[in-house]
Amino acid sequence: MKRVLTVLLLLAGLQSSAQKEIAPNKWLQLFNGKDLHDWDIKITGHDLNDNFGNTFSVQNGLLTVNYDKYDQFNEQYGHIFYKKNFSAYLVVVEYRFIGEQVKGGPGWAYRNSGVMLHGQRAATMTKNQDFPISLEEQLLGGNGKDPRSTGNLCTPGTNVVMNGKLITDHCITSTSKTYHGDQWVRVEALVLRDSVIKHIVEGDTVIVYEKPQIGGGNVLHADPAVKQDGKLLAEGSISLQSESHPVQFRKVELFDLSPYINDPAKLNKILHLLQHRKGTKK
């Protein structure tokens, strides 16, 4: 009995220690709710950090993408990049679409934004480049009547492997439900270097892929020195899109998994606790 009690106490101690590893103070708040101090902005046709039309701003504590100062969209796709690269992490984003699409925005971009993963740095994009070479966790809102999943995968300048097969399609639909109206939606991405990546919507894993790599098309005017087709992506930038429909973000936070990536047992323990904490379903 004494030995059993000792084992139980040891297990409880290990559980407590692991819980401390994922405590709130261990999370990095990429968006601080006040300003865009740690972010770079790149909008097609404009120089780095030219925030044309005040596209990206903080309004009432929300990171806001708006087009109030645009006459026409004119394919001025924009991205706001967190200034640090990451390799293994869980990123959490809460978003909602608001208002009306700006004049001249393409039909496919209605209630459309995205979280770009393993992307190139903003400074390596050319002035006229439309999208960063990256993996996009696509964020879509419903139109009030038709099914339209979110958390899809789109691949500007990239390819992935699914079920052992190289996938070169530009967009792959997830299994998520449709979120109509201006409701807040929680999405996550679990990224483990150049191995497995999962998109998670409101606790459900909706798409899984592996071996992310540079390749394919669907990105214009990229520097050939950056677009090295076939190169596996083990790290990169995280950015949020402006694609012609106003959108707001109230949370952009990240748990860095890189300290555990070479310790499978510890990594699995942390992932289990993170999934339990967020209610994520495998």
C-alpha atoms as a PDB file:
ATOM      1  CA  MET A   1       0.000   0.000   0.000  1.00  0.00           C
ATOM      2  CA  LYS A   2       2.807   2.380   0.900  1.00  0.00           C
ATOM      3  CA  ARG A   3       4.497   1.694  -2.456  1.00  0.00           C
ATOM      4  CA  VAL A   4       1.247   2.373  -4.350  1.00  0.00           C
ATOM      5  CA  LEU A   5       0.800   5.643  -2.467  1.00  0.00           C
ATOM      6  CA  THR A   6       4.358   6.661  -3.343  1.00  0.00           C
ATOM      7  CA  VAL A   7       3.729   5.962  -7.027  1.00  0.00           C
ATOM      8  CA  LEU A   8       0.468   7.934  -6.953  1.00  0.00           C
ATOM      9  CA  LEU A   9       2.163  10.883  -5.316  1.00  0.00           C
ATOM     10  CA  LEU A  10       4.955  10.751  -7.892  1.00  0.00           C
ATOM     11  CA  LEU A  11       2.453  10.701 -10.750  1.00  0.00           C
ATOM     12  CA  ALA A  12       0.548  13.587  -9.191  1.00  0.00           C
ATOM     13  CA  GLY A  13       3.793  15.528  -8.932  1.00  0.00           C
ATOM     14  CA  LEU A  14       4.600  14.910 -12.588  1.00  0.00           C
ATOM     15  CA  GLN A  15       1.072  15.956 -13.584  1.00  0.00           C
ATOM     16  CA  SER A  16       1.365  19.136 -11.539  1.00  0.00           C
ATOM     17  CA  SER A  17       4.756  19.911 -13.060  1.00  0.00           C
ATOM     18  CA  ALA A  18       3.412  19.459 -16.581  1.00  0.00           C
ATOM     19  CA  GLN A  19       0.365  21.609 -15.794  1.00  0.00           C
ATOM     20  CA  LYS A  20       2.711  24.409 -14.786  1.00  0.00           C
ATOM     21  CA  GLU A  21       4.386  24.093 -18.203  1.00  0.00           C
ATOM     22  CA  ILE A  22       1.153  25.177 -19.936  1.00  0.00           C
ATOM     23  CA  ALA A  23       0.107  27.813 -17.406  1.00  0.00           C
ATOM     24  CA  PRO A  24      -1.240  31.080 -18.852  1.00  0.00           C
ATOM     25  CA  ASN A  25       2.077  32.860 -18.299  1.00  0.00           C
ATOM     26  CA  LYS A  26       3.764  30.335 -20.608  1.00  0.00           C
ATOM     27  CA  TRP A  27       1.720  31.531 -23.590  1.00  0.00           C
ATOM     28  CA  LEU A  28       3.033  34.244 -25.896  1.00  0.00           C
ATOM     29  CA  GLN A  29       0.432  36.884 -26.701  1.00  0.00           C
ATOM     30  CA  LEU A  30       1.297  37.752 -30.295  1.00  0.00           C
ATOM     31  CA  PHE A  31      -1.400  40.433 -30.249  1.00  0.00           C
ATOM     32  CA  ASN A  32      -1.242  42.490 -27.058  1.00  0.00           C
ATOM     33  CA  GLY A  33      -4.641  44.163 -27.493  1.00  0.00           C
ATOM     34  CA  LYS A  34      -3.081  47.620 -27.598  1.00  0.00           C
ATOM     35  CA  ASP A  35      -0.912  48.150 -30.670  1.00  0.00           C
ATOM     36  CA  LEU A  36       0.900  46.508 -33.593  1.00  0.00           C
ATOM     37  CA  HIS A  37       4.372  47.070 -32.180  1.00  0.00           C
ATOM     38  CA  ASP A  38       5.688  43.554 -32.866  1.00  0.00           C
ATOM     39  CA  TRP A  39       4.244  43.220 -36.362  1.00  0.00           C
ATOM     40  CA  ASP A  40       5.374  43.980 -39.912  1.00  0.00           C
ATOM     41  CA  ILE A  41       2.941  44.924 -42.678  1.00  0.00           C
ATOM     42  CA  LYS A  42       3.245  44.066 -46.350  1.00  0.00           C
ATOM     43  CA  ILE A  43       0.549  45.045 -48.859  1.00  0.00           C
ATOM     44  CA  THR A  44       0.825  44.201 -52.563  1.00  0.00           C
ATOM     45  CA  GLY A  45       2.266  47.113 -54.526  1.00  0.00           C
ATOM     46  CA  HIS A  46       3.511  48.914 -51.425  1.00  0.00           C
ATOM     47  CA  ASP A  47       6.792  48.970 -49.557  1.00  0.00           C
ATOM     48  CA  LEU A  48       7.365  47.034 -46.357  1.00  0.00           C
ATOM     49  CA  ASN A  49       5.472  48.617 -43.435  1.00  0.00           C
ATOM     50  CA  ASP A  50       3.524  51.017 -45.650  1.00  0.00           C
ATOM     51  CA  ASN A  51       0.142  50.477 -43.964  1.00  0.00           C
ATOM     52  CA  PHE A  52      -1.800  51.739 -46.976  1.00  0.00           C
ATOM     53  CA  GLY A  53      -5.201  53.137 -46.066  1.00  0.00           C
ATOM     54  CA  ASN A  54      -4.634  52.195 -42.436  1.00  0.00           C
ATOM     55  CA  THR A  55      -5.656  48.674 -43.470  1.00  0.00           C
ATOM     56  CA  PHE A  56      -4.416  47.174 -40.207  1.00  0.00           C
ATOM     57  CA  SER A  57      -5.249  48.915 -36.945  1.00  0.00           C
ATOM     58  CA  VAL A  58      -6.311  48.311 -33.359  1.00  0.00           C
ATOM     59  CA  GLN A  59      -9.906  49.346 -32.667  1.00  0.00           C
ATOM     60  CA  ASN A  60     -11.461  48.872 -29.227  1.00  0.00           C
ATOM     61  CA  GLY A  61      -8.799  46.335 -28.338  1.00  0.00           C
ATOM     62  CA  LEU A  62      -9.306  44.297 -31.539  1.00  0.00           C
ATOM     63  CA  LEU A  63      -6.793  43.788 -34.343  1.00  0.00           C
ATOM     64  CA  THR A  64      -8.902  45.078 -37.219  1.00  0.00           C
ATOM     65  CA  VAL A  65      -8.625  44.773 -40.997  1.00  0.00           C
ATOM     66  CA  ASN A  66     -10.735  47.461 -42.694  1.00  0.00           C
ATOM     67  CA  TYR A  67     -10.990  49.274 -46.005  1.00  0.00           C
ATOM     68  CA  ASP A  68     -12.664  52.555 -45.054  1.00  0.00           C
ATOM     69  CA  LYS A  69     -10.000  54.532 -46.932  1.00  0.00           C
ATOM     70  CA  TYR A  70     -10.051  52.386 -50.107  1.00  0.00           C
ATOM     71  CA  ASP A  71     -11.857  53.532 -53.250  1.00  0.00           C
ATOM     72  CA  GLN A  72     -11.261  50.136 -54.875  1.00  0.00           C
ATOM     73  CA  PHE A  73      -9.527  47.007 -53.668  1.00  0.00           C
ATOM     74  CA  ASN A  74      -7.344  46.738 -56.797  1.00  0.00           C
ATOM     75  CA  GLU A  75      -5.868  43.369 -55.731  1.00  0.00           C
ATOM     76  CA  GLN A  76      -3.999  45.004 -52.858  1.00  0.00           C
ATOM     77  CA  TYR A  77      -3.744  41.824 -50.824  1.00  0.00           C
ATOM     78  CA  GLY A  78      -2.155  42.432 -47.461  1.00  0.00           C
ATOM     79  CA  HIS A  79      -0.563  40.492 -44.619  1.00  0.00           C
ATOM     80  CA  ILE A  80       0.521  41.465 -41.140  1.00  0.00           C
ATOM     81  CA  PHE A  81       3.479  39.404 -39.898  1.00  0.00           C
ATOM     82  CA  TYR A  82       4.577  38.714 -36.368  1.00  0.00           C
ATOM     83  CA  LYS A  83       8.259  39.646 -36.304  1.00  0.00           C
ATOM     84  CA  LYS A  84       9.595  36.328 -34.982  1.00  0.00           C
ATOM     85  CA  ASN A  85       9.746  32.968 -36.794  1.00  0.00           C
ATOM     86  CA  PHE A  86       8.514  29.786 -35.103  1.00  0.00           C
ATOM     87  CA  SER A  87       9.098  26.088 -35.777  1.00  0.00           C
ATOM     88  CA  ALA A  88       6.938  23.983 -33.438  1.00  0.00           C
ATOM     89  CA  TYR A  89       3.915  25.508 -31.743  1.00  0.00           C
ATOM     90  CA  LEU A  90       0.198  25.701 -31.136  1.00  0.00           C
ATOM     91  CA  VAL A  91      -1.243  28.989 -32.358  1.00  0.00           C
ATOM     92  CA  VAL A  92      -4.738  30.095 -31.334  1.00  0.00           C
ATOM     93  CA  VAL A  93      -6.752  32.744 -33.201  1.00  0.00           C
ATOM     94  CA  GLU A  94     -10.253  34.049 -32.523  1.00  0.00           C
ATOM     95  CA  TYR A  95     -11.800  35.980 -35.433  1.00  0.00           C
ATOM     96  CA  ARG A  96     -15.046  37.358 -36.800  1.00  0.00           C
ATOM     97  CA  PHE A  97     -16.067  38.944 -40.094  1.00  0.00           C
ATOM     98  CA  ILE A  98     -17.848  42.282 -40.028  1.00  0.00           C
ATOM     99  CA  GLY A  99     -19.354  44.770 -42.458  1.00  0.00           C
ATOM    100  CA  GLU A 100     -19.332  44.610 -46.232  1.00  0.00           C
ATOM    101  CA  GLN A 101     -16.655  43.601 -48.696  1.00  0.00           C
ATOM    102  CA  VAL A 102     -14.770  46.525 -50.240  1.00  0.00           C
ATOM    103  CA  LYS A 103     -15.639  47.494 -53.796  1.00  0.00           C
ATOM    104  CA  GLY A 104     -13.613  45.524 -56.319  1.00  0.00           C
ATOM    105  CA  GLY A 105     -12.921  42.571 -54.022  1.00  0.00           C
ATOM    106  CA  PRO A 106     -13.110  39.202 -55.828  1.00  0.00           C
ATOM    107  CA  GLY A 107     -16.142  37.008 -55.237  1.00  0.00           C
ATOM    108  CA  TRP A 108     -14.086  34.223 -53.684  1.00  0.00           C
ATOM    109  CA  ALA A 109     -12.734  36.666 -51.085  1.00  0.00           C
ATOM    110  CA  TYR A 110     -16.155  37.353 -49.553  1.00  0.00           C
ATOM    111  CA  ARG A 111     -15.776  36.731 -45.794  1.00  0.00           C
ATOM    112  CA  ASN A 112     -12.340  35.319 -46.464  1.00  0.00           C
ATOM    113  CA  SER A 113      -9.123  35.726 -44.472  1.00  0.00           C
ATOM    114  CA  GLY A 114      -6.411  33.401 -43.232  1.00  0.00           C
ATOM    115  CA  VAL A 115      -3.631  32.536 -40.827  1.00  0.00           C
ATOM    116  CA  MET A 116      -0.424  31.964 -42.778  1.00  0.00           C
ATOM    117  CA  LEU A 117       1.886  29.325 -41.284  1.00  0.00           C
ATOM    118  CA  HIS A 118       5.569  28.530 -41.925  1.00  0.00           C
ATOM    119  CA  GLY A 119       5.689  31.582 -44.188  1.00  0.00           C
ATOM    120  CA  GLN A 120       8.550  33.608 -45.567  1.00  0.00           C
ATOM    121  CA  ARG A 121       9.496  36.779 -43.712  1.00  0.00           C
ATOM    122  CA  ALA A 122       7.764  39.991 -44.771  1.00  0.00           C
ATOM    123  CA  ALA A 123      11.114  41.547 -45.702  1.00  0.00           C
ATOM    124  CA  THR A 124      11.761  38.807 -48.289  1.00  0.00           C
ATOM    125  CA  MET A 125       8.587  39.540 -50.273  1.00  0.00           C
ATOM    126  CA  THR A 126       8.934  41.597 -53.421  1.00  0.00           C
ATOM    127  CA  LYS A 127       6.997  44.851 -53.708  1.00  0.00           C
ATOM    128  CA  ASN A 128       4.417  43.371 -56.078  1.00  0.00           C
ATOM    129  CA  GLN A 129       4.172  39.902 -54.534  1.00  0.00           C
ATOM    130  CA  ASP A 130       0.572  39.037 -53.657  1.00  0.00           C
ATOM    131  CA  PHE A 131       0.909  36.302 -51.011  1.00  0.00           C
ATOM    132  CA  PRO A 132       3.788  35.069 -48.887  1.00  0.00           C
ATOM    133  CA  ILE A 133       5.064  31.577 -49.658  1.00  0.00           C
ATOM    134  CA  SER A 134       3.289  29.802 -46.814  1.00  0.00           C
ATOM    135  CA  LEU A 135       0.604  27.371 -45.675  1.00  0.00           C
ATOM    136  CA  GLU A 136      -2.733  29.061 -45.144  1.00  0.00           C
ATOM    137  CA  GLU A 137      -5.257  28.020 -42.559  1.00  0.00           C
ATOM    138  CA  GLN A 138      -8.080  29.631 -44.479  1.00  0.00           C
ATOM    139  CA  LEU A 139     -10.754  31.479 -42.485  1.00  0.00           C
ATOM    140  CA  LEU A 140     -14.158  31.623 -44.154  1.00  0.00           C
ATOM    141  CA  GLY A 141     -17.527  32.939 -43.037  1.00  0.00           C
ATOM    142  CA  GLY A 142     -20.869  31.710 -44.290  1.00  0.00           C
ATOM    143  CA  ASN A 143     -23.270  33.706 -46.465  1.00  0.00           C
ATOM    144  CA  GLY A 144     -26.306  32.812 -44.360  1.00  0.00           C
ATOM    145  CA  LYS A 145     -27.559  29.921 -46.450  1.00  0.00           C
ATOM    146  CA  ASP A 146     -24.880  27.789 -48.142  1.00  0.00           C
ATOM    147  CA  PRO A 147     -22.360  25.414 -46.524  1.00  0.00           C
ATOM    148  CA  ARG A 148     -18.891  26.951 -46.373  1.00  0.00           C
ATOM    149  CA  SER A 149     -16.289  25.303 -44.174  1.00  0.00           C
ATOM    150  CA  THR A 150     -13.495  27.154 -42.411  1.00  0.00           C
ATOM    151  CA  GLY A 151     -10.035  25.994 -41.365  1.00  0.00           C
ATOM    152  CA  ASN A 152      -9.355  24.834 -44.920  1.00  0.00           C
ATOM    153  CA  LEU A 153      -5.830  24.521 -46.320  1.00  0.00           C
ATOM    154  CA  CYS A 154      -4.597  26.755 -49.145  1.00  0.00           C
ATOM    155  CA  THR A 155      -1.054  26.599 -50.483  1.00  0.00           C
ATOM    156  CA  PRO A 156       0.475  29.756 -51.986  1.00  0.00           C
ATOM    157  CA  GLY A 157       3.827  28.559 -53.316  1.00  0.00           C
ATOM    158  CA  THR A 158       3.696  25.333 -51.306  1.00  0.00           C
ATOM    159  CA  ASN A 159       2.705  21.664 -51.432  1.00  0.00           C
ATOM    160  CA  VAL A 160       1.971  19.124 -48.694  1.00  0.00           C
ATOM    161  CA  VAL A 161       1.644  15.378 -48.250  1.00  0.00           C
ATOM    162  CA  MET A 162      -1.651  13.758 -47.225  1.00  0.00           C
ATOM    163  CA  ASN A 163      -2.106  10.015 -46.779  1.00  0.00           C
ATOM    164  CA  GLY A 164       1.323   9.440 -48.298  1.00  0.00           C
ATOM    165  CA  LYS A 165       0.545  11.405 -51.478  1.00  0.00           C
ATOM    166  CA  LEU A 166       1.961  14.738 -52.593  1.00  0.00           C
ATOM    167  CA  ILE A 167      -0.934  17.194 -52.869  1.00  0.00           C
ATOM    168  CA  THR A 168      -0.580  19.982 -55.417  1.00  0.00           C
ATOM    169  CA  ASP A 169      -4.171  21.294 -55.279  1.00  0.00           C
ATOM    170  CA  HIS A 170      -4.295  24.917 -54.192  1.00  0.00           C
ATOM    171  CA  CYS A 171      -7.089  24.546 -51.641  1.00  0.00           C
ATOM    172  CA  ILE A 172      -8.255  21.479 -49.722  1.00  0.00           C
ATOM    173  CA  THR A 173     -11.595  21.619 -47.920  1.00  0.00           C
ATOM    174  CA  SER A 174     -11.737  20.819 -44.208  1.00  0.00           C
ATOM    175  CA  THR A 175     -14.456  18.940 -42.357  1.00  0.00           C
ATOM    176  CA  SER A 176     -15.581  21.940 -40.298  1.00  0.00           C
ATOM    177  CA  LYS A 177     -19.129  23.229 -39.994  1.00  0.00           C
ATOM    178  CA  THR A 178     -20.196  26.586 -41.432  1.00  0.00           C
ATOM    179  CA  TYR A 179     -20.134  29.707 -39.266  1.00  0.00           C
ATOM    180  CA  HIS A 180     -22.641  32.268 -40.511  1.00  0.00           C
ATOM    181  CA  GLY A 181     -22.963  35.889 -39.445  1.00  0.00           C
ATOM    182  CA  ASP A 182     -20.572  37.930 -37.331  1.00  0.00           C
ATOM    183  CA  GLN A 183     -19.991  35.328 -34.608  1.00  0.00           C
ATOM    184  CA  TRP A 184     -16.570  34.780 -33.075  1.00  0.00           C
ATOM    185  CA  VAL A 185     -14.838  31.588 -34.196  1.00  0.00           C
ATOM    186  CA  ARG A 186     -11.841  29.930 -32.535  1.00  0.00           C
ATOM    187  CA  VAL A 187      -9.272  28.245 -34.752  1.00  0.00           C
ATOM    188  CA  GLU A 188      -5.937  26.670 -33.885  1.00  0.00           C
ATOM    189  CA  ALA A 189      -3.008  25.228 -35.779  1.00  0.00           C
ATOM    190  CA  LEU A 190      -0.719  22.610 -34.304  1.00  0.00           C
ATOM    191  CA  VAL A 191       2.575  22.824 -36.178  1.00  0.00           C
ATOM    192  CA  LEU A 192       5.424  20.373 -35.559  1.00  0.00           C
ATOM    193  CA  ARG A 193       8.283  21.587 -37.717  1.00  0.00           C
ATOM    194  CA  ASP A 194       8.332  19.797 -41.108  1.00  0.00           C
ATOM    195  CA  SER A 195       6.342  16.787 -39.914  1.00  0.00           C
ATOM    196  CA  VAL A 196       2.660  17.014 -38.914  1.00  0.00           C
ATOM    197  CA  ILE A 197       0.351  20.039 -39.057  1.00  0.00           C
ATOM    198  CA  LYS A 198      -3.249  20.027 -37.825  1.00  0.00           C
ATOM    199  CA  HIS A 199      -5.984  22.629 -38.311  1.00  0.00           C
ATOM    200  CA  ILE A 200      -8.442  22.764 -35.420  1.00  0.00           C
ATOM    201  CA  VAL A 201     -11.799  24.587 -35.378  1.00  0.00           C
ATOM    202  CA  GLU A 202     -13.728  25.002 -32.131  1.00  0.00           C
ATOM    203  CA  GLY A 203     -11.968  21.983 -30.654  1.00  0.00           C
ATOM    204  CA  ASP A 204     -12.348  19.671 -33.660  1.00  0.00           C
ATOM    205  CA  THR A 205      -9.372  18.627 -35.794  1.00  0.00           C
ATOM    206  CA  VAL A 206     -10.639  19.337 -39.316  1.00  0.00           C
ATOM    207  CA  ILE A 207      -7.610  18.662 -41.533  1.00  0.00           C
ATOM    208  CA  VAL A 208      -4.200  17.004 -41.104  1.00  0.00           C
ATOM    209  CA  TYR A 209      -1.170  17.026 -43.397  1.00  0.00           C
ATOM    210  CA  GLU A 210       2.574  16.568 -43.276  1.00  0.00           C
ATOM    211  CA  LYS A 211       5.881  17.330 -44.990  1.00  0.00           C
ATOM    212  CA  PRO A 212       5.086  20.975 -45.851  1.00  0.00           C
ATOM    213  CA  GLN A 213       7.368  22.148 -48.647  1.00  0.00           C
ATOM    214  CA  ILE A 214       7.932  24.945 -51.118  1.00  0.00           C
ATOM    215  CA  GLY A 215       6.524  24.219 -54.572  1.00  0.00           C
ATOM    216  CA  GLY A 216       3.674  24.820 -56.981  1.00  0.00           C
ATOM    217  CA  GLY A 217       2.167  28.120 -58.032  1.00  0.00           C
ATOM    218  CA  ASN A 218      -0.572  30.431 -56.731  1.00  0.00           C
ATOM    219  CA  VAL A 219       1.871  33.124 -55.681  1.00  0.00           C
ATOM    220  CA  LEU A 220       2.896  35.943 -58.020  1.00  0.00           C
ATOM    221  CA  HIS A 221       6.207  37.815 -58.309  1.00  0.00           C
ATOM    222  CA  ALA A 222       8.052  35.833 -55.622  1.00  0.00           C
ATOM    223  CA  ASP A 223      11.843  36.111 -55.548  1.00  0.00           C
ATOM    224  CA  PRO A 224      13.242  32.897 -57.165  1.00  0.00           C
ATOM    225  CA  ALA A 225      15.988  32.882 -54.537  1.00  0.00           C
ATOM    226  CA  VAL A 226      13.291  32.465 -51.877  1.00  0.00           C
ATOM    227  CA  LYS A 227      11.013  30.091 -53.774  1.00  0.00           C
ATOM    228  CA  GLN A 228      13.250  27.000 -53.632  1.00  0.00           C
ATOM    229  CA  ASP A 229      10.858  24.288 -54.816  1.00  0.00           C
ATOM    230  CA  GLY A 230      11.113  21.027 -52.892  1.00  0.00           C
ATOM    231  CA  LYS A 231      12.573  22.590 -49.748  1.00  0.00           C
ATOM    232  CA  LEU A 232      10.860  21.291 -46.608  1.00  0.00           C
ATOM    233  CA  LEU A 233       9.487  24.000 -44.324  1.00  0.00           C
ATOM    234  CA  ALA A 234      10.618  23.444 -40.748  1.00  0.00           C
ATOM    235  CA  GLU A 235       9.945  26.986 -39.548  1.00  0.00           C
ATOM    236  CA  GLY A 236       8.625  30.315 -40.727  1.00  0.00           C
ATOM    237  CA  SER A 237       6.542  33.382 -40.093  1.00  0.00           C
ATOM    238  CA  ILE A 238       2.949  33.674 -38.918  1.00  0.00           C
ATOM    239  CA  SER A 239       0.790  36.293 -40.597  1.00  0.00           C
ATOM    240  CA  LEU A 240      -2.858  37.348 -40.879  1.00  0.00           C
ATOM    241  CA  GLN A 241      -4.513  38.305 -44.148  1.00  0.00           C
ATOM    242  CA  SER A 242      -6.401  41.211 -45.639  1.00  0.00           C
ATOM    243  CA  GLU A 243      -8.232  39.905 -48.700  1.00  0.00           C
ATOM    244  CA  SER A 244     -10.943  42.585 -49.168  1.00  0.00           C
ATOM    245  CA  HIS A 245     -13.480  41.730 -46.438  1.00  0.00           C
ATOM    246  CA  PRO A 246     -13.285  43.447 -43.028  1.00  0.00           C
ATOM    247  CA  VAL A 247     -12.282  41.065 -40.245  1.00  0.00           C
ATOM    248  CA  GLN A 248     -11.339  41.395 -36.583  1.00  0.00           C
ATOM    249  CA  PHE A 249      -9.119  39.332 -34.300  1.00  0.00           C
ATOM    250  CA  ARG A 250      -9.507  39.433 -30.526  1.00  0.00           C
ATOM    251  CA  LYS A 251      -6.930  36.755 -29.703  1.00  0.00           C
ATOM    252  CA  VAL A 252      -3.678  35.694 -31.347  1.00  0.00           C
ATOM    253  CA  GLU A 253      -1.632  33.619 -28.910  1.00  0.00           C
ATOM    254  CA  LEU A 254       1.009  30.943 -29.221  1.00  0.00           C
ATOM    255  CA  PHE A 255       2.438  28.119 -27.129  1.00  0.00           C
ATOM    256  CA  ASP A 256       6.010  27.363 -28.159  1.00  0.00           C
ATOM    257  CA  LEU A 257       6.610  23.615 -28.453  1.00  0.00           C
ATOM    258  CA  SER A 258      10.193  23.838 -29.680  1.00  0.00           C
ATOM    259  CA  PRO A 259      11.708  23.146 -26.203  1.00  0.00           C
ATOM    260  CA  TYR A 260      10.014  19.726 -26.233  1.00  0.00           C
ATOM    261  CA  ILE A 261      10.410  18.708 -29.878  1.00  0.00           C
ATOM    262  CA  ASN A 262      13.406  16.426 -29.205  1.00  0.00           C
ATOM    263  CA  ASP A 263      11.784  14.731 -26.197  1.00  0.00           C
ATOM    264  CA  PRO A 264       8.828  12.716 -27.592  1.00  0.00           C
ATOM    265  CA  ALA A 265       7.555  11.628 -24.174  1.00  0.00           C
ATOM    266  CA  LYS A 266       7.517  15.201 -22.830  1.00  0.00           C
ATOM    267  CA  LEU A 267       6.059  16.532 -26.074  1.00  0.00           C
ATOM    268  CA  ASN A 268       3.211  14.009 -26.010  1.00  0.00           C
ATOM    269  CA  LYS A 269       2.466  14.884 -22.394  1.00  0.00           C
ATOM    270  CA  ILE A 270       2.331  18.592 -23.182  1.00  0.00           C
ATOM    271  CA  LEU A 271       0.147  17.980 -26.254  1.00  0.00           C
ATOM    272  CA  HIS A 272      -2.231  15.857 -24.200  1.00  0.00           C
ATOM    273  CA  LEU A 273      -2.588  18.615 -21.621  1.00  0.00           C
ATOM    274  CA  LEU A 274      -3.030  21.278 -24.287  1.00  0.00           C
ATOM    275  CA  GLN A 275      -5.736  19.224 -25.975  1.00  0.00           C
ATOM    276  CA  HIS A 276      -7.477  18.631 -22.669  1.00  0.00           C
ATOM    277  CA  ARG A 277      -7.214  22.329 -21.789  1.00  0.00           C
ATOM    278  CA  LYS A 278      -8.772  23.395 -25.081  1.00  0.00           C
ATOM    279  CA  GLY A 279     -11.143  20.487 -25.450  1.00  0.00           C
ATOM    280  CA  THR A 280      -9.519  19.521 -28.728  1.00  0.00           C
ATOM    281  CA  LYS A 281     -10.737  16.300 -30.316  1.00  0.00           C
ATOM    282  CA  LYS A 282      -8.265  14.112 -32.159  1.00  0.00           C
END
